[in-house]
Amino acid sequence: MRSSTREEVDAVFDALEAAMDRVCALSFDALTTPERLRKLERLETLARRLQVPSHQLINQVGEQSDSTELGGKLSWVLADR
């Protein structure tokens, strides 16, 4: 995996958020039932793929911080967010 700059990370997250906003604003009235099912399948795949960067971030926080910096155990901090 290559290194990313803060600016690149922010830009990609901003683009992802904008794309999610566009998806959430869609109407699916024009789709047939099979098309809707395919879109649901794609959404499920995307949701599962989004877990990858989430897990990477959690693992890095766990490896590179301590309870003093976090203000408690990592599991508690994640549960309170």
Protein backbone atom coordinates (compact mmCIF):
# COMPACT_ATOMS: atom_id res chain seq x y z
CA MET A 1 0.00 0.00 0.00
CA ARG A 2 1.37 3.42 -0.88
CA SER A 3 1.51 6.42 1.43
CA SER A 4 -1.13 9.11 1.11
CA THR A 5 -0.90 12.77 2.07
CA ARG A 6 -3.34 14.40 4.48
CA GLU A 7 -4.62 16.49 1.59
CA GLU A 8 -5.26 13.40 -0.54
CA VAL A 9 -7.07 11.64 2.31
CA ASP A 10 -9.25 14.71 2.91
CA ALA A 11 -10.00 15.12 -0.81
CA VAL A 12 -11.00 11.47 -1.23
CA PHE A 13 -13.20 11.54 1.89
CA ASP A 14 -14.85 14.76 0.63
CA ALA A 15 -15.51 13.14 -2.76
CA LEU A 16 -16.91 10.02 -1.09
CA GLU A 17 -19.22 12.12 1.07
CA ALA A 18 -20.41 14.09 -1.97
CA ALA A 19 -21.07 10.86 -3.88
CA MET A 20 -23.00 9.45 -0.92
CA ASP A 21 -25.09 12.63 -0.78
CA ARG A 22 -25.93 12.20 -4.47
CA VAL A 23 -26.89 8.55 -3.99
CA CYS A 24 -29.10 9.41 -1.01
CA ALA A 25 -30.88 12.08 -3.07
CA LEU A 26 -31.78 9.67 -5.88
CA SER A 27 -35.26 8.41 -6.60
CA PHE A 28 -35.40 4.79 -7.69
CA ASP A 29 -38.90 4.98 -9.17
CA ALA A 30 -37.66 4.47 -12.75
CA LEU A 31 -36.01 1.14 -11.95
CA THR A 32 -37.53 -2.28 -12.39
CA THR A 33 -37.52 -4.81 -9.56
CA PRO A 34 -34.51 -6.70 -10.99
CA GLU A 35 -32.65 -3.39 -11.37
CA ARG A 36 -33.46 -2.46 -7.78
CA LEU A 37 -32.17 -5.82 -6.60
CA ARG A 38 -28.91 -5.28 -8.52
CA LYS A 39 -28.53 -1.83 -6.96
CA LEU A 40 -29.12 -3.33 -3.51
CA GLU A 41 -26.41 -5.89 -4.22
CA ARG A 42 -24.00 -3.15 -5.27
CA LEU A 43 -24.81 -1.11 -2.17
CA GLU A 44 -24.11 -4.15 0.02
CA THR A 45 -20.76 -4.69 -1.73
CA LEU A 46 -19.83 -1.03 -1.28
CA ALA A 47 -20.85 -1.05 2.38
CA ARG A 48 -18.65 -4.09 3.00
CA ARG A 49 -15.73 -2.51 1.16
CA LEU A 50 -16.01 0.62 3.32
CA GLN A 51 -15.19 -1.55 6.33
CA VAL A 52 -11.62 -1.94 5.02
CA PRO A 53 -10.49 1.67 5.59
CA SER A 54 -12.49 1.74 8.82
CA HIS A 55 -10.61 -1.29 10.15
CA GLN A 56 -7.30 0.16 8.96
CA LEU A 57 -7.97 3.37 10.89
CA ILE A 58 -9.04 1.50 14.03
CA ASN A 59 -5.93 -0.69 13.89
CA GLN A 60 -3.64 2.29 13.41
CA VAL A 61 -5.24 4.19 16.30
CA GLY A 62 -4.80 1.11 18.48
CA GLU A 63 -1.17 0.66 17.47
CA GLN A 64 -0.07 4.30 17.56
CA SER A 65 -1.88 5.72 20.60
CA ASP A 66 -2.31 4.97 24.27
CA SER A 67 -5.20 5.29 26.72
CA THR A 68 -3.92 8.66 27.95
CA GLU A 69 -4.06 10.16 24.47
CA LEU A 70 -7.44 8.55 23.79
CA GLY A 71 -8.92 9.42 27.17
CA GLY A 72 -9.68 5.76 27.90
CA LYS A 73 -9.57 2.33 26.35
CA LEU A 74 -9.87 2.20 22.57
CA SER A 75 -13.04 0.11 22.77
CA TRP A 76 -14.67 2.71 25.03
CA VAL A 77 -13.61 5.58 22.79
CA LEU A 78 -15.02 3.84 19.72
CA ALA A 79 -18.27 3.01 21.51
CA ASP A 80 -18.74 6.65 22.57
CA ARG A 81 -18.25 8.07 19.06
